[in-house]
Structures are given as structure tokens and as C-alpha cells.
Protein backbone atom coordinates (compact mmCIF):
# COMPACT_ATOMS: atom_id res chain seq x y z
CA GLN A 1 -52.74 14.21 -23.34
CA VAL A 2 -51.74 11.12 -24.79
CA GLN A 3 -53.93 8.77 -26.57
CA LEU A 4 -53.26 5.26 -28.28
CA VAL A 5 -55.96 3.83 -30.04
CA GLU A 6 -56.12 0.04 -31.78
CA SER A 7 -58.44 -1.50 -33.84
CA GLY A 8 -58.53 -4.19 -36.20
CA GLY A 9 -58.42 -7.38 -34.20
CA GLY A 10 -60.89 -10.19 -34.48
CA LEU A 11 -61.28 -13.92 -34.99
CA VAL A 12 -59.41 -15.25 -37.44
CA GLN A 13 -58.41 -19.16 -38.88
CA PRO A 14 -54.85 -20.33 -39.16
CA GLY A 15 -53.10 -19.18 -41.80
CA GLY A 16 -55.35 -15.78 -42.32
CA SER A 17 -54.30 -12.58 -42.32
CA LEU A 18 -55.44 -9.49 -39.78
CA ARG A 19 -54.58 -5.29 -40.31
CA LEU A 20 -53.61 -3.59 -36.92
CA SER A 21 -54.30 0.15 -36.87
CA CYS A 22 -53.32 2.31 -33.96
CA ALA A 23 -54.70 5.84 -33.86
CA ALA A 24 -52.53 8.41 -32.08
CA SER A 25 -52.84 11.49 -30.67
CA GLY A 26 -51.43 14.32 -28.08
CA PHE A 27 -48.30 14.05 -28.96
CA THR A 28 -45.56 14.76 -31.94
CA PHE A 29 -46.04 11.63 -33.63
CA SER A 30 -43.79 12.03 -36.51
CA SER A 31 -41.01 12.12 -33.73
CA ALA A 32 -41.65 9.22 -31.96
CA ALA A 33 -41.10 5.46 -32.54
CA MET A 34 -43.84 3.55 -32.41
CA ASN A 35 -44.14 0.08 -31.24
CA TRP A 36 -46.40 -3.41 -31.14
CA TYR A 37 -46.33 -5.59 -28.21
CA ARG A 38 -48.99 -8.54 -27.52
CA GLN A 39 -49.81 -10.54 -24.59
CA ALA A 40 -51.05 -14.07 -24.52
CA PRO A 41 -53.13 -15.48 -21.36
CA GLY A 42 -50.59 -16.25 -18.67
CA LYS A 43 -47.71 -15.17 -20.34
CA LYS A 44 -45.47 -11.68 -20.58
CA ARG A 45 -46.09 -8.84 -22.19
CA GLU A 46 -43.31 -9.22 -24.99
CA LEU A 47 -42.44 -6.64 -28.10
CA VAL A 48 -43.14 -7.81 -31.73
CA ALA A 49 -42.23 -4.91 -33.82
CA THR A 50 -40.74 -1.54 -33.67
CA VAL A 51 -40.38 1.55 -36.36
CA THR A 52 -38.53 4.23 -36.19
CA SER A 53 -40.33 8.05 -36.49
CA ALA A 54 -39.79 8.42 -40.44
CA GLY A 55 -40.41 4.48 -40.93
CA GLY A 56 -37.04 4.17 -42.41
CA SER A 57 -36.47 1.22 -39.80
CA THR A 58 -38.01 -1.55 -38.38
CA ASN A 59 -37.34 -4.53 -36.23
CA TYR A 60 -39.26 -7.74 -35.17
CA ALA A 61 -39.56 -10.38 -32.91
CA ASP A 62 -37.75 -13.66 -34.32
CA SER A 63 -41.26 -15.39 -34.15
CA VAL A 64 -42.75 -13.24 -36.40
CA LYS A 65 -40.18 -12.06 -38.94
CA GLY A 66 -40.84 -12.59 -42.35
CA ARG A 67 -45.03 -12.35 -41.73
CA PHE A 68 -45.39 -9.18 -39.87
CA THR A 69 -45.12 -5.78 -41.30
CA ILE A 70 -45.48 -2.55 -39.07
CA SER A 71 -45.72 0.55 -41.21
CA ARG A 72 -46.67 4.41 -40.41
CA ASP A 73 -48.32 7.40 -42.31
CA ASN A 74 -47.31 10.17 -40.38
CA ALA A 75 -49.77 12.26 -42.30
CA LYS A 76 -52.56 10.16 -40.13
CA ASN A 77 -50.72 9.52 -36.75
CA THR A 78 -50.86 5.79 -37.31
CA VAL A 79 -49.36 2.82 -37.27
CA TYR A 80 -49.78 -0.23 -38.54
CA LEU A 81 -49.20 -3.85 -38.40
CA GLN A 82 -49.81 -6.08 -40.77
CA MET A 83 -49.82 -9.85 -39.66
CA ASN A 84 -50.17 -12.76 -42.33
CA SER A 85 -49.29 -16.10 -42.36
CA LEU A 86 -50.97 -16.05 -38.75
CA LYS A 87 -50.78 -19.33 -36.35
CA PRO A 88 -52.64 -20.06 -33.14
CA GLU A 89 -50.00 -18.58 -31.03
CA ALA A 90 -50.37 -15.45 -32.10
CA THR A 91 -53.56 -15.36 -30.17
CA ALA A 92 -53.02 -12.38 -27.46
CA VAL A 93 -53.99 -8.67 -26.73
CA TYR A 94 -51.97 -6.22 -28.89
CA TYR A 95 -50.96 -3.19 -27.63
CA CYS A 96 -49.70 0.20 -29.51
CA ASN A 97 -47.09 1.86 -27.24
CA VAL A 98 -44.80 4.95 -27.10
CA VAL A 99 -42.03 6.05 -24.77
CA TYR A 100 -42.28 9.84 -24.96
CA TRP A 101 -40.15 12.14 -22.83
CA ARG A 102 -39.09 8.98 -21.18
CA ARG A 103 -42.71 8.28 -20.27
CA SER A 104 -44.50 5.33 -21.59
CA TYR A 105 -47.96 5.06 -23.03
CA TRP A 106 -50.41 2.29 -23.99
CA GLY A 107 -53.26 1.78 -26.14
CA GLN A 108 -56.25 -0.32 -24.53
CA GLY A 109 -55.62 -3.13 -26.71
CA THR A 110 -57.20 -5.26 -29.57
CA GLN A 111 -57.72 -9.22 -29.05
CA VAL A 112 -56.89 -11.42 -31.35
CA SER A 113 -57.78 -14.72 -31.93
CA VAL A 114 -56.80 -17.35 -34.52
CA SER A 115 -58.32 -20.65 -34.38
CA SER A 116 -60.27 -22.87 -36.68
């Protein structure tokens, strides 16, 4: 079965950096685009970044462009989200997501808190 396991969250000061990882299994990772979403308290889940199956193309929410970078290692079945210049409004649970054979799969999420 499809499994997505996020890691790398934590507490960081404004202006700091974190790198999230998502280890995937149970499907052909190299054939699937991968997404990172986030959900802040009291808000809807929002799409943060997407990377195509081979990693050749990426897309970002306007709020994170120029500060976040999504990447993947198909040899390790892992997708990453490098987050720089973090702002307090980035505080949220971050989720890894894949749509595979028309079904959407989610990891359990990792908490990112940005606070001084």
C-alpha cells in the first residue's frame, strides 16, 4: 500500500531554515508527481509546492516563491522541501501528497513552528 512518511519539522526562529523529507513506498515513485501541502490552525489545507515525476519542473504557491525549494531523489524514493527565510505565517502542519491511479494519498504530517 502507498505510504508517505514526513520528517524534519520542528521549531525554528523567523529567518531560519528547515528541510522536510517525505519517504515514499508502495508505488512507482519515479512515475508520480509529488506535492507538499500545509495546513495552519483554523485554515484550509493549501498547496505549497509540486515537482514532476522526473524532477524537471516545479511549481510554488506565490507565498513561498523564492524561499522554498521542492526536489526529489528517485533513487531514494524521497521528496524534499527546503524552506529558507521562514516567517511566522509558515507555522503549519506540512503534508506530503501523491495522486496515484486517481487516488490521493497523504502522510501523517510534520509540524513546523516559526517563532522567536
